[in-house]
Amino acid sequence: MNPENEIDKTEALEPVETAAANVAEARGGVDGRKRPKWLLPLIAVVCAVVLVVAGVVGWNMYRGAKLAEAKEACATAADGVRSQANEYNALLNEDAADAAAVKAEQVKDAKTVESLGKELKASAPEYEGCVAEDAKGLDAATVKLGEQADWYKTHEQSLSKAVKAVTESKAAKTLETAKTNLTAKLDEAAKLLTDSDGKVQDNTTRETLTNAIDAATRLKDANDATKIDKARKTLEDAINGVNASVQAKTDADAQAAAAAAAAAQVQAQSTYSGGSSYSGNTYRRTGGSTSGSNTYRGTTSGGSGSNSGSGSTGGSTTRPNLNGAYGCTEDCYVPPNNLIQH
């Protein structure tokens, strides 16, 4: 080994610090100068202050983040309550209000109306919103708002169910009533069709009634109350048409009979008079005697003449009364065209 190389390696090595050197440096440095005694405490205080400030800043940042987070959560909960409340109130003011106007006698099951009434009496929660100023208060408000949202959601569902029950029950009752009315009208129409045979002025009214009966019969078992009511109305109109035609024929027959009777009476009077006339027939009875005068004017076999006279009899006399009957016992006037018998 070369001694010169070993010497070079030794000189190239760095000096190693020892513990004594470190102590010396702390006391004054290797150069022998001493540092102030207050330096280390000052450094410690500064470090403590820095740590406190950092802690306060960190805590404030944490509180701010939590507050912001609480505000956001509360705002979201408030939006949820408003959304659920709007849906509930829309149902309450529209469909539920219409269903509430339905009476028990208008539905097939009256219990549906009773159930709806109970739902409408429910008291909605009072909305308070996010009025707290700290995270704890906002968190509590968020929980309460969530409960309110659940209330609105639950009652919206139960109210909707109650409204649907009333609506369906009313529809069932309406359909049942429509079918009952149609059946009754069909019975009336069938009877009228039989009774009106040969008694109508216009037979096409009976044909219209027949067609209406056929159409209504096909809808008897339908589940559409509107169509059933329409068929019943058509049937009712056809019935009215037949009744009017029957009445028209009855009136026409009555008028024809009256005209025939009048003509027969005129013919009978013309045949009875025979072209002669009588006038001036007055009789007076005094005691047991009768006096009177007769005047005859007329044409018989191409001649004319008059006859007057008076007389008395001891008996009774039969002569016309005011109605043309015989047996008058007081003064009598004999109407013209009546024959006098003694």
C-alpha atoms as a PDB file:
ATOM      1  CA  MET A   1       0.000   0.000   0.000  1.00  0.00           C
ATOM      2  CA  ASN A   2       1.198   3.489  -0.837  1.00  0.00           C
ATOM      3  CA  PRO A   3       1.645   5.711   2.219  1.00  0.00           C
ATOM      4  CA  GLU A   4       1.068   8.841   0.213  1.00  0.00           C
ATOM      5  CA  ASN A   5      -2.425   7.777  -0.740  1.00  0.00           C
ATOM      6  CA  GLU A   6      -3.343   7.142   2.885  1.00  0.00           C
ATOM      7  CA  ILE A   7      -2.256  10.634   3.864  1.00  0.00           C
ATOM      8  CA  ASP A   8      -4.417  12.156   1.122  1.00  0.00           C
ATOM      9  CA  LYS A   9      -7.527  10.303   2.276  1.00  0.00           C
ATOM     10  CA  THR A  10      -7.049  11.488   5.840  1.00  0.00           C
ATOM     11  CA  GLU A  11      -6.844  15.095   4.819  1.00  0.00           C
ATOM     12  CA  ALA A  12      -9.976  14.801   2.693  1.00  0.00           C
ATOM     13  CA  LEU A  13     -12.209  13.786   5.626  1.00  0.00           C
ATOM     14  CA  GLU A  14     -14.543  16.450   7.165  1.00  0.00           C
ATOM     15  CA  PRO A  15     -14.216  17.197  10.886  1.00  0.00           C
ATOM     16  CA  VAL A  16     -16.821  15.497  13.060  1.00  0.00           C
ATOM     17  CA  GLU A  17     -18.820  17.578  15.550  1.00  0.00           C
ATOM     18  CA  THR A  18     -18.879  16.357  19.109  1.00  0.00           C
ATOM     19  CA  ALA A  19     -21.290  16.941  21.981  1.00  0.00           C
ATOM     20  CA  ALA A  20     -18.833  19.237  23.608  1.00  0.00           C
ATOM     21  CA  ALA A  21     -18.709  21.311  20.481  1.00  0.00           C
ATOM     22  CA  ASN A  22     -22.506  21.621  20.444  1.00  0.00           C
ATOM     23  CA  VAL A  23     -22.560  22.790  24.049  1.00  0.00           C
ATOM     24  CA  ALA A  24     -19.883  25.275  23.335  1.00  0.00           C
ATOM     25  CA  GLU A  25     -21.796  26.617  20.407  1.00  0.00           C
ATOM     26  CA  ALA A  26     -24.935  27.014  22.552  1.00  0.00           C
ATOM     27  CA  ARG A  27     -22.990  28.922  25.169  1.00  0.00           C
ATOM     28  CA  GLY A  28     -21.381  31.289  22.834  1.00  0.00           C
ATOM     29  CA  GLY A  29     -20.557  29.593  19.686  1.00  0.00           C
ATOM     30  CA  VAL A  30     -17.391  28.125  18.601  1.00  0.00           C
ATOM     31  CA  ASP A  31     -16.043  31.563  18.208  1.00  0.00           C
ATOM     32  CA  GLY A  32     -16.394  32.121  21.918  1.00  0.00           C
ATOM     33  CA  ARG A  33     -19.241  34.755  21.807  1.00  0.00           C
ATOM     34  CA  LYS A  34     -22.213  34.211  24.220  1.00  0.00           C
ATOM     35  CA  ARG A  35     -25.957  34.637  23.133  1.00  0.00           C
ATOM     36  CA  PRO A  36     -28.537  36.516  25.330  1.00  0.00           C
ATOM     37  CA  LYS A  37     -30.404  34.463  27.915  1.00  0.00           C
ATOM     38  CA  TRP A  38     -33.841  35.862  26.938  1.00  0.00           C
ATOM     39  CA  LEU A  39     -33.593  34.570  23.390  1.00  0.00           C
ATOM     40  CA  LEU A  40     -34.813  31.084  24.080  1.00  0.00           C
ATOM     41  CA  PRO A  41     -37.859  32.160  26.175  1.00  0.00           C
ATOM     42  CA  LEU A  42     -38.755  34.678  23.505  1.00  0.00           C
ATOM     43  CA  ILE A  43     -38.605  32.062  20.883  1.00  0.00           C
ATOM     44  CA  ALA A  44     -40.836  29.828  22.995  1.00  0.00           C
ATOM     45  CA  VAL A  45     -43.385  32.626  23.540  1.00  0.00           C
ATOM     46  CA  VAL A  46     -43.471  33.467  19.878  1.00  0.00           C
ATOM     47  CA  CYS A  47     -44.024  29.836  19.016  1.00  0.00           C
ATOM     48  CA  ALA A  48     -46.860  29.643  21.555  1.00  0.00           C
ATOM     49  CA  VAL A  49     -48.496  32.760  20.175  1.00  0.00           C
ATOM     50  CA  VAL A  50     -48.220  31.402  16.693  1.00  0.00           C
ATOM     51  CA  LEU A  51     -49.797  28.177  17.813  1.00  0.00           C
ATOM     52  CA  VAL A  52     -52.659  30.007  19.582  1.00  0.00           C
ATOM     53  CA  VAL A  53     -53.330  32.237  16.617  1.00  0.00           C
ATOM     54  CA  ALA A  54     -53.259  29.278  14.314  1.00  0.00           C
ATOM     55  CA  GLY A  55     -55.659  27.448  16.609  1.00  0.00           C
ATOM     56  CA  VAL A  56     -58.083  30.378  16.775  1.00  0.00           C
ATOM     57  CA  VAL A  57     -57.979  30.833  13.054  1.00  0.00           C
ATOM     58  CA  GLY A  58     -58.469  27.161  12.543  1.00  0.00           C
ATOM     59  CA  TRP A  59     -61.358  27.049  14.985  1.00  0.00           C
ATOM     60  CA  ASN A  60     -63.035  30.025  13.369  1.00  0.00           C
ATOM     61  CA  MET A  61     -62.591  28.458   9.993  1.00  0.00           C
ATOM     62  CA  TYR A  62     -64.115  25.252  11.337  1.00  0.00           C
ATOM     63  CA  ARG A  63     -67.032  27.127  12.904  1.00  0.00           C
ATOM     64  CA  GLY A  64     -67.599  29.042   9.706  1.00  0.00           C
ATOM     65  CA  ALA A  65     -67.593  25.868   7.683  1.00  0.00           C
ATOM     66  CA  LYS A  66     -70.016  24.197  10.064  1.00  0.00           C
ATOM     67  CA  LEU A  67     -72.292  27.259  10.049  1.00  0.00           C
ATOM     68  CA  ALA A  68     -72.284  27.390   6.274  1.00  0.00           C
ATOM     69  CA  GLU A  69     -72.994  23.691   6.144  1.00  0.00           C
ATOM     70  CA  ALA A  70     -75.857  24.062   8.632  1.00  0.00           C
ATOM     71  CA  LYS A  71     -77.335  26.977   6.687  1.00  0.00           C
ATOM     72  CA  GLU A  72     -77.223  25.011   3.467  1.00  0.00           C
ATOM     73  CA  ALA A  73     -78.848  21.968   5.061  1.00  0.00           C
ATOM     74  CA  CYS A  74     -81.568  24.121   6.637  1.00  0.00           C
ATOM     75  CA  ALA A  75     -82.263  25.890   3.347  1.00  0.00           C
ATOM     76  CA  THR A  76     -82.600  22.550   1.588  1.00  0.00           C
ATOM     77  CA  ALA A  77     -85.003  21.345   4.271  1.00  0.00           C
ATOM     78  CA  ALA A  78     -87.013  24.568   3.968  1.00  0.00           C
ATOM     79  CA  ASP A  79     -87.314  24.078   0.207  1.00  0.00           C
ATOM     80  CA  GLY A  80     -88.550  20.547   0.831  1.00  0.00           C
ATOM     81  CA  VAL A  81     -91.242  21.779   3.223  1.00  0.00           C
ATOM     82  CA  ARG A  82     -92.417  24.437   0.800  1.00  0.00           C
ATOM     83  CA  SER A  83     -92.607  21.922  -2.040  1.00  0.00           C
ATOM     84  CA  GLN A  84     -94.611  19.407   0.003  1.00  0.00           C
ATOM     85  CA  ALA A  85     -96.835  22.155   1.425  1.00  0.00           C
ATOM     86  CA  ASN A  86     -97.611  23.486  -2.056  1.00  0.00           C
ATOM     87  CA  GLU A  87     -98.675  20.047  -3.268  1.00  0.00           C
ATOM     88  CA  TYR A  88    -100.846  19.514  -0.203  1.00  0.00           C
ATOM     89  CA  ASN A  89    -102.477  22.957  -0.463  1.00  0.00           C
ATOM     90  CA  ALA A  90    -103.137  22.550  -4.183  1.00  0.00           C
ATOM     91  CA  LEU A  91    -104.963  19.296  -3.484  1.00  0.00           C
ATOM     92  CA  LEU A  92    -106.771  20.876  -0.534  1.00  0.00           C
ATOM     93  CA  ASN A  93    -108.031  23.873  -2.525  1.00  0.00           C
ATOM     94  CA  GLU A  94    -108.983  22.051  -5.731  1.00  0.00           C
ATOM     95  CA  ASP A  95    -109.949  18.367  -5.820  1.00  0.00           C
ATOM     96  CA  ALA A  96    -110.526  18.097  -2.079  1.00  0.00           C
ATOM     97  CA  ALA A  97    -112.756  21.181  -2.124  1.00  0.00           C
ATOM     98  CA  ASP A  98    -114.863  19.674  -4.910  1.00  0.00           C
ATOM     99  CA  ALA A  99    -115.125  16.362  -3.089  1.00  0.00           C
ATOM    100  CA  ALA A 100    -116.072  18.136   0.142  1.00  0.00           C
ATOM    101  CA  ALA A 101    -119.187  19.519  -1.594  1.00  0.00           C
ATOM    102  CA  VAL A 102    -120.497  15.987  -2.236  1.00  0.00           C
ATOM    103  CA  LYS A 103    -123.362  14.938   0.066  1.00  0.00           C
ATOM    104  CA  ALA A 104    -123.735  11.542   1.682  1.00  0.00           C
ATOM    105  CA  GLU A 105    -126.829  10.790  -0.399  1.00  0.00           C
ATOM    106  CA  GLN A 106    -124.840  11.383  -3.601  1.00  0.00           C
ATOM    107  CA  VAL A 107    -122.419   8.518  -3.008  1.00  0.00           C
ATOM    108  CA  LYS A 108    -122.848   4.787  -2.862  1.00  0.00           C
ATOM    109  CA  ASP A 109    -120.834   4.478   0.379  1.00  0.00           C
ATOM    110  CA  ALA A 110    -121.482   7.288   2.878  1.00  0.00           C
ATOM    111  CA  LYS A 111    -118.386   6.342   4.889  1.00  0.00           C
ATOM    112  CA  THR A 112    -116.173   7.843   2.190  1.00  0.00           C
ATOM    113  CA  VAL A 113    -117.662  11.284   2.877  1.00  0.00           C
ATOM    114  CA  GLU A 114    -117.069  10.812   6.599  1.00  0.00           C
ATOM    115  CA  SER A 115    -113.424   9.836   6.072  1.00  0.00           C
ATOM    116  CA  LEU A 116    -112.815  12.848   3.867  1.00  0.00           C
ATOM    117  CA  GLY A 117    -114.270  15.106   6.536  1.00  0.00           C
ATOM    118  CA  LYS A 118    -111.755  13.807   9.071  1.00  0.00           C
ATOM    119  CA  GLU A 119    -108.861  14.403   6.693  1.00  0.00           C
ATOM    120  CA  LEU A 120    -109.974  17.969   6.073  1.00  0.00           C
ATOM    121  CA  LYS A 121    -109.942  18.700   9.816  1.00  0.00           C
ATOM    122  CA  ALA A 122    -106.193  17.985  10.146  1.00  0.00           C
ATOM    123  CA  SER A 123    -104.132  21.015  11.253  1.00  0.00           C
ATOM    124  CA  ALA A 124    -101.042  21.716   9.170  1.00  0.00           C
ATOM    125  CA  PRO A 125     -97.781  22.525  11.053  1.00  0.00           C
ATOM    126  CA  GLU A 126     -96.674  26.130  11.395  1.00  0.00           C
ATOM    127  CA  TYR A 127     -93.698  26.925   9.191  1.00  0.00           C
ATOM    128  CA  GLU A 128     -90.855  28.680  11.056  1.00  0.00           C
ATOM    129  CA  GLY A 129     -87.975  28.572   8.596  1.00  0.00           C
ATOM    130  CA  CYS A 130     -84.245  28.921   9.232  1.00  0.00           C
ATOM    131  CA  VAL A 131     -84.166  31.766  11.735  1.00  0.00           C
ATOM    132  CA  ALA A 132     -81.367  30.496  14.026  1.00  0.00           C
ATOM    133  CA  GLU A 133     -77.988  32.261  13.953  1.00  0.00           C
ATOM    134  CA  ASP A 134     -75.731  29.414  14.966  1.00  0.00           C
ATOM    135  CA  ALA A 135     -75.100  25.965  13.591  1.00  0.00           C
ATOM    136  CA  LYS A 136     -76.747  24.247  16.533  1.00  0.00           C
ATOM    137  CA  GLY A 137     -79.960  26.211  16.114  1.00  0.00           C
ATOM    138  CA  LEU A 138     -79.922  25.675  12.368  1.00  0.00           C
ATOM    139  CA  ASP A 139     -79.431  21.963  12.831  1.00  0.00           C
ATOM    140  CA  ALA A 140     -82.452  21.846  15.143  1.00  0.00           C
ATOM    141  CA  ALA A 141     -84.506  23.836  12.599  1.00  0.00           C
ATOM    142  CA  THR A 142     -83.432  21.422   9.876  1.00  0.00           C
ATOM    143  CA  VAL A 143     -84.721  18.475  11.900  1.00  0.00           C
ATOM    144  CA  LYS A 144     -88.049  20.224  12.548  1.00  0.00           C
ATOM    145  CA  LEU A 145     -88.438  21.194   8.905  1.00  0.00           C
ATOM    146  CA  GLY A 146     -87.840  17.576   7.924  1.00  0.00           C
ATOM    147  CA  GLU A 147     -90.627  16.505  10.257  1.00  0.00           C
ATOM    148  CA  GLN A 148     -92.952  19.094   8.734  1.00  0.00           C
ATOM    149  CA  ALA A 149     -92.111  17.909   5.227  1.00  0.00           C
ATOM    150  CA  ASP A 150     -92.952  14.367   6.291  1.00  0.00           C
ATOM    151  CA  TRP A 151     -96.298  15.590   7.699  1.00  0.00           C
ATOM    152  CA  TYR A 152     -97.261  17.275   4.442  1.00  0.00           C
ATOM    153  CA  LYS A 153     -96.204  14.271   2.392  1.00  0.00           C
ATOM    154  CA  THR A 154     -98.121  11.812   4.567  1.00  0.00           C
ATOM    155  CA  HIS A 155    -101.293  13.896   4.708  1.00  0.00           C
ATOM    156  CA  GLU A 156    -101.149  14.681   1.007  1.00  0.00           C
ATOM    157  CA  GLN A 157    -101.207  10.949   0.334  1.00  0.00           C
ATOM    158  CA  SER A 158    -104.034  10.229   2.805  1.00  0.00           C
ATOM    159  CA  LEU A 159    -106.086  13.203   1.604  1.00  0.00           C
ATOM    160  CA  SER A 160    -105.625  12.164  -2.005  1.00  0.00           C
ATOM    161  CA  LYS A 161    -106.819   8.676  -1.126  1.00  0.00           C
ATOM    162  CA  ALA A 162    -109.918  10.062   0.642  1.00  0.00           C
ATOM    163  CA  VAL A 163    -110.749  12.334  -2.290  1.00  0.00           C
ATOM    164  CA  LYS A 164    -110.428   9.433  -4.734  1.00  0.00           C
ATOM    165  CA  ALA A 165    -112.734   7.289  -2.589  1.00  0.00           C
ATOM    166  CA  VAL A 166    -115.453   9.958  -2.578  1.00  0.00           C
ATOM    167  CA  THR A 167    -115.110  10.566  -6.316  1.00  0.00           C
ATOM    168  CA  GLU A 168    -115.341   6.878  -7.174  1.00  0.00           C
ATOM    169  CA  SER A 169    -118.266   6.339  -4.802  1.00  0.00           C
ATOM    170  CA  LYS A 170    -120.125   9.242  -6.367  1.00  0.00           C
ATOM    171  CA  ALA A 171    -119.480   7.857  -9.852  1.00  0.00           C
ATOM    172  CA  ALA A 172    -120.797   4.458  -8.757  1.00  0.00           C
ATOM    173  CA  LYS A 173    -123.948   6.065  -7.362  1.00  0.00           C
ATOM    174  CA  THR A 174    -124.425   8.129 -10.519  1.00  0.00           C
ATOM    175  CA  LEU A 175    -124.091   5.030 -12.698  1.00  0.00           C
ATOM    176  CA  GLU A 176    -126.518   3.078 -10.518  1.00  0.00           C
ATOM    177  CA  THR A 177    -129.075   5.902 -10.652  1.00  0.00           C
ATOM    178  CA  ALA A 178    -128.685   6.238 -14.422  1.00  0.00           C
ATOM    179  CA  LYS A 179    -129.334   2.525 -14.927  1.00  0.00           C
ATOM    180  CA  THR A 180    -132.378   2.602 -12.638  1.00  0.00           C
ATOM    181  CA  ASN A 181    -133.871   5.593 -14.452  1.00  0.00           C
ATOM    182  CA  LEU A 182    -133.238   4.029 -17.852  1.00  0.00           C
ATOM    183  CA  THR A 183    -134.920   0.764 -16.813  1.00  0.00           C
ATOM    184  CA  ALA A 184    -137.990   2.637 -15.571  1.00  0.00           C
ATOM    185  CA  LYS A 185    -138.172   4.665 -18.774  1.00  0.00           C
ATOM    186  CA  LEU A 186    -137.865   1.511 -20.876  1.00  0.00           C
ATOM    187  CA  ASP A 187    -140.833  -0.021 -19.053  1.00  0.00           C
ATOM    188  CA  GLU A 188    -142.862   3.138 -19.654  1.00  0.00           C
ATOM    189  CA  ALA A 189    -141.910   3.204 -23.326  1.00  0.00           C
ATOM    190  CA  ALA A 190    -142.811  -0.468 -23.904  1.00  0.00           C
ATOM    191  CA  LYS A 191    -146.260   0.018 -22.355  1.00  0.00           C
ATOM    192  CA  LEU A 192    -146.919   3.165 -24.379  1.00  0.00           C
ATOM    193  CA  LEU A 193    -145.887   1.430 -27.593  1.00  0.00           C
ATOM    194  CA  THR A 194    -148.495  -1.251 -26.964  1.00  0.00           C
ATOM    195  CA  ASP A 195    -151.253   1.100 -25.812  1.00  0.00           C
ATOM    196  CA  SER A 196    -150.803   3.587 -28.649  1.00  0.00           C
ATOM    197  CA  ASP A 197    -151.324   1.119 -31.475  1.00  0.00           C
ATOM    198  CA  GLY A 198    -153.916   2.659 -33.810  1.00  0.00           C
ATOM    199  CA  LYS A 199    -154.338   5.701 -31.566  1.00  0.00           C
ATOM    200  CA  VAL A 200    -151.765   8.093 -33.017  1.00  0.00           C
ATOM    201  CA  GLN A 201    -152.219  10.748 -35.648  1.00  0.00           C
ATOM    202  CA  ASP A 202    -148.707  10.165 -37.035  1.00  0.00           C
ATOM    203  CA  ASN A 203    -147.467   6.583 -36.914  1.00  0.00           C
ATOM    204  CA  THR A 204    -143.838   7.617 -37.487  1.00  0.00           C
ATOM    205  CA  THR A 205    -143.751   8.673 -33.842  1.00  0.00           C
ATOM    206  CA  ARG A 206    -144.244   5.033 -32.848  1.00  0.00           C
ATOM    207  CA  GLU A 207    -141.438   3.997 -35.201  1.00  0.00           C
ATOM    208  CA  THR A 208    -139.141   6.554 -33.556  1.00  0.00           C
ATOM    209  CA  LEU A 209    -140.107   5.177 -30.154  1.00  0.00           C
ATOM    210  CA  THR A 210    -139.319   1.627 -31.274  1.00  0.00           C
ATOM    211  CA  ASN A 211    -135.837   2.650 -32.419  1.00  0.00           C
ATOM    212  CA  ALA A 212    -135.207   4.498 -29.153  1.00  0.00           C
ATOM    213  CA  ILE A 213    -136.228   1.425 -27.158  1.00  0.00           C
ATOM    214  CA  ASP A 214    -133.803  -0.771 -29.109  1.00  0.00           C
ATOM    215  CA  ALA A 215    -130.907   1.673 -28.619  1.00  0.00           C
ATOM    216  CA  ALA A 216    -131.583   2.098 -24.899  1.00  0.00           C
ATOM    217  CA  THR A 217    -131.839  -1.652 -24.349  1.00  0.00           C
ATOM    218  CA  ARG A 218    -128.324  -2.120 -25.727  1.00  0.00           C
ATOM    219  CA  LEU A 219    -126.956   0.366 -23.166  1.00  0.00           C
ATOM    220  CA  LYS A 220    -128.719  -1.034 -20.107  1.00  0.00           C
ATOM    221  CA  ASP A 221    -125.595  -2.812 -18.859  1.00  0.00           C
ATOM    222  CA  ALA A 222    -123.030  -0.210 -19.925  1.00  0.00           C
ATOM    223  CA  ASN A 223    -120.676   1.432 -17.408  1.00  0.00           C
ATOM    224  CA  ASP A 224    -120.888   4.925 -18.863  1.00  0.00           C
ATOM    225  CA  ALA A 225    -123.448   7.027 -17.008  1.00  0.00           C
ATOM    226  CA  THR A 226    -123.217   9.807 -19.606  1.00  0.00           C
ATOM    227  CA  LYS A 227    -124.190   7.514 -22.492  1.00  0.00           C
ATOM    228  CA  ILE A 228    -126.961   5.913 -20.438  1.00  0.00           C
ATOM    229  CA  ASP A 229    -128.433   9.325 -19.571  1.00  0.00           C
ATOM    230  CA  LYS A 230    -128.265  10.343 -23.215  1.00  0.00           C
ATOM    231  CA  ALA A 231    -130.164   7.187 -24.236  1.00  0.00           C
ATOM    232  CA  ARG A 232    -132.768   7.860 -21.543  1.00  0.00           C
ATOM    233  CA  LYS A 233    -133.231  11.432 -22.790  1.00  0.00           C
ATOM    234  CA  THR A 234    -133.692  10.195 -26.372  1.00  0.00           C
ATOM    235  CA  LEU A 235    -136.222   7.660 -25.136  1.00  0.00           C
ATOM    236  CA  GLU A 236    -138.061  10.328 -23.167  1.00  0.00           C
ATOM    237  CA  ASP A 237    -138.279  12.575 -26.226  1.00  0.00           C
ATOM    238  CA  ALA A 238    -139.709   9.684 -28.258  1.00  0.00           C
ATOM    239  CA  ILE A 239    -142.308   9.002 -25.552  1.00  0.00           C
ATOM    240  CA  ASN A 240    -143.350  12.656 -25.590  1.00  0.00           C
ATOM    241  CA  GLY A 241    -143.690  12.489 -29.356  1.00  0.00           C
ATOM    242  CA  VAL A 242    -146.049   9.508 -29.195  1.00  0.00           C
ATOM    243  CA  ASN A 243    -148.105  11.081 -26.419  1.00  0.00           C
ATOM    244  CA  ALA A 244    -148.476  14.281 -28.425  1.00  0.00           C
ATOM    245  CA  SER A 245    -149.589  12.283 -31.470  1.00  0.00           C
ATOM    246  CA  VAL A 246    -152.142  10.372 -29.382  1.00  0.00           C
ATOM    247  CA  GLN A 247    -153.515  13.640 -28.006  1.00  0.00           C
ATOM    248  CA  ALA A 248    -153.673  15.153 -31.491  1.00  0.00           C
ATOM    249  CA  LYS A 249    -155.737  12.206 -32.750  1.00  0.00           C
ATOM    250  CA  THR A 250    -158.007  12.348 -29.707  1.00  0.00           C
ATOM    251  CA  ASP A 251    -158.644  16.066 -30.283  1.00  0.00           C
ATOM    252  CA  ALA A 252    -159.269  15.527 -34.003  1.00  0.00           C
ATOM    253  CA  ASP A 253    -161.721  12.699 -33.283  1.00  0.00           C
ATOM    254  CA  ALA A 254    -163.548  14.829 -30.736  1.00  0.00           C
ATOM    255  CA  GLN A 255    -163.861  17.712 -33.184  1.00  0.00           C
ATOM    256  CA  ALA A 256    -165.134  15.389 -35.907  1.00  0.00           C
ATOM    257  CA  ALA A 257    -167.731  13.901 -33.551  1.00  0.00           C
ATOM    258  CA  ALA A 258    -168.909  17.357 -32.490  1.00  0.00           C
ATOM    259  CA  ALA A 259    -169.245  18.434 -36.129  1.00  0.00           C
ATOM    260  CA  ALA A 260    -171.216  15.293 -36.986  1.00  0.00           C
ATOM    261  CA  ALA A 261    -173.569  15.828 -34.036  1.00  0.00           C
ATOM    262  CA  ALA A 262    -174.166  19.436 -35.042  1.00  0.00           C
ATOM    263  CA  ALA A 263    -174.921  18.419 -38.601  1.00  0.00           C
ATOM    264  CA  ALA A 264    -177.339  15.721 -37.411  1.00  0.00           C
ATOM    265  CA  GLN A 265    -179.166  18.227 -35.218  1.00  0.00           C
ATOM    266  CA  VAL A 266    -179.547  20.669 -38.081  1.00  0.00           C
ATOM    267  CA  GLN A 267    -180.895  17.911 -40.290  1.00  0.00           C
ATOM    268  CA  ALA A 268    -183.378  16.802 -37.637  1.00  0.00           C
ATOM    269  CA  GLN A 269    -184.708  20.317 -37.103  1.00  0.00           C
ATOM    270  CA  SER A 270    -185.129  20.853 -40.828  1.00  0.00           C
ATOM    271  CA  THR A 271    -187.076  17.596 -41.201  1.00  0.00           C
ATOM    272  CA  TYR A 272    -189.387  18.352 -38.217  1.00  0.00           C
ATOM    273  CA  SER A 273    -190.400  21.919 -39.178  1.00  0.00           C
ATOM    274  CA  GLY A 274    -191.680  20.921 -42.631  1.00  0.00           C
ATOM    275  CA  GLY A 275    -191.862  24.567 -43.803  1.00  0.00           C
ATOM    276  CA  SER A 276    -194.686  25.735 -41.346  1.00  0.00           C
ATOM    277  CA  SER A 277    -194.672  28.252 -38.506  1.00  0.00           C
ATOM    278  CA  TYR A 278    -196.946  28.988 -35.556  1.00  0.00           C
ATOM    279  CA  SER A 279    -197.135  32.074 -33.387  1.00  0.00           C
ATOM    280  CA  GLY A 280    -199.305  33.894 -30.876  1.00  0.00           C
ATOM    281  CA  ASN A 281    -200.362  31.036 -28.630  1.00  0.00           C
ATOM    282  CA  THR A 282    -201.394  32.243 -25.207  1.00  0.00           C
ATOM    283  CA  TYR A 283    -203.600  30.512 -22.735  1.00  0.00           C
ATOM    284  CA  ARG A 284    -205.030  31.730 -19.477  1.00  0.00           C
ATOM    285  CA  ARG A 285    -206.874  29.631 -16.996  1.00  0.00           C
ATOM    286  CA  THR A 286    -209.426  31.194 -14.617  1.00  0.00           C
ATOM    287  CA  GLY A 287    -210.950  28.886 -12.077  1.00  0.00           C
ATOM    288  CA  GLY A 288    -212.065  25.826 -13.941  1.00  0.00           C
ATOM    289  CA  SER A 289    -212.163  27.472 -17.347  1.00  0.00           C
ATOM    290  CA  THR A 290    -209.559  28.035 -19.928  1.00  0.00           C
ATOM    291  CA  SER A 291    -209.416  30.771 -22.464  1.00  0.00           C
ATOM    292  CA  GLY A 292    -207.030  31.300 -25.216  1.00  0.00           C
ATOM    293  CA  SER A 293    -206.450  32.384 -28.735  1.00  0.00           C
ATOM    294  CA  ASN A 294    -204.661  30.662 -31.528  1.00  0.00           C
ATOM    295  CA  THR A 295    -203.221  32.299 -34.549  1.00  0.00           C
ATOM    296  CA  TYR A 296    -201.879  30.186 -37.343  1.00  0.00           C
ATOM    297  CA  ARG A 297    -199.784  31.490 -40.107  1.00  0.00           C
ATOM    298  CA  GLY A 298    -198.201  29.324 -42.662  1.00  0.00           C
ATOM    299  CA  THR A 299    -198.448  27.740 -46.007  1.00  0.00           C
ATOM    300  CA  THR A 300    -200.126  24.401 -46.436  1.00  0.00           C
ATOM    301  CA  SER A 301    -200.936  23.040 -49.844  1.00  0.00           C
ATOM    302  CA  GLY A 302    -200.423  26.445 -51.422  1.00  0.00           C
ATOM    303  CA  GLY A 303    -202.781  28.383 -49.084  1.00  0.00           C
ATOM    304  CA  SER A 304    -202.669  30.602 -45.988  1.00  0.00           C
ATOM    305  CA  GLY A 305    -205.119  31.458 -43.264  1.00  0.00           C
ATOM    306  CA  SER A 306    -205.670  32.319 -39.641  1.00  0.00           C
ATOM    307  CA  ASN A 307    -207.822  30.900 -36.917  1.00  0.00           C
ATOM    308  CA  SER A 308    -208.712  32.541 -33.630  1.00  0.00           C
ATOM    309  CA  GLY A 309    -211.203  31.705 -30.959  1.00  0.00           C
ATOM    310  CA  SER A 310    -211.985  31.496 -27.318  1.00  0.00           C
ATOM    311  CA  GLY A 311    -213.867  29.089 -25.173  1.00  0.00           C
ATOM    312  CA  SER A 312    -214.224  27.673 -21.753  1.00  0.00           C
ATOM    313  CA  THR A 313    -214.356  24.190 -20.409  1.00  0.00           C
ATOM    314  CA  GLY A 314    -215.207  22.935 -17.027  1.00  0.00           C
ATOM    315  CA  GLY A 315    -212.350  20.500 -16.903  1.00  0.00           C
ATOM    316  CA  SER A 316    -208.662  20.613 -17.121  1.00  0.00           C
ATOM    317  CA  THR A 317    -206.692  21.471 -20.148  1.00  0.00           C
ATOM    318  CA  THR A 318    -203.390  20.018 -21.235  1.00  0.00           C
ATOM    319  CA  ARG A 319    -201.094  22.462 -22.919  1.00  0.00           C
ATOM    320  CA  PRO A 320    -197.355  23.189 -23.342  1.00  0.00           C
ATOM    321  CA  ASN A 321    -195.212  24.738 -20.599  1.00  0.00           C
ATOM    322  CA  LEU A 322    -192.079  26.773 -21.080  1.00  0.00           C
ATOM    323  CA  ASN A 323    -190.072  23.656 -21.952  1.00  0.00           C
ATOM    324  CA  GLY A 324    -192.620  22.438 -24.484  1.00  0.00           C
ATOM    325  CA  ALA A 325    -194.005  19.783 -22.110  1.00  0.00           C
ATOM    326  CA  TYR A 326    -197.700  19.384 -21.358  1.00  0.00           C
ATOM    327  CA  GLY A 327    -199.576  19.944 -18.125  1.00  0.00           C
ATOM    328  CA  CYS A 328    -199.284  23.711 -17.489  1.00  0.00           C
ATOM    329  CA  THR A 329    -201.694  24.955 -14.789  1.00  0.00           C
ATOM    330  CA  GLU A 330    -200.974  28.696 -14.927  1.00  0.00           C
ATOM    331  CA  ASP A 331    -200.393  31.266 -17.672  1.00  0.00           C
ATOM    332  CA  CYS A 332    -198.317  29.635 -20.354  1.00  0.00           C
ATOM    333  CA  TYR A 333    -196.493  30.844 -23.338  1.00  0.00           C
ATOM    334  CA  VAL A 334    -196.339  28.383 -26.142  1.00  0.00           C
ATOM    335  CA  PRO A 335    -193.157  28.825 -28.173  1.00  0.00           C
ATOM    336  CA  PRO A 336    -193.447  28.942 -31.931  1.00  0.00           C
ATOM    337  CA  ASN A 337    -193.277  25.699 -33.886  1.00  0.00           C
ATOM    338  CA  ASN A 338    -195.070  23.780 -31.097  1.00  0.00           C
ATOM    339  CA  LEU A 339    -198.423  22.133 -31.704  1.00  0.00           C
ATOM    340  CA  ILE A 340    -201.171  22.760 -29.176  1.00  0.00           C
ATOM    341  CA  GLN A 341    -203.296  19.941 -27.983  1.00  0.00           C
ATOM    342  CA  HIS A 342    -206.568  20.433 -26.026  1.00  0.00           C
END
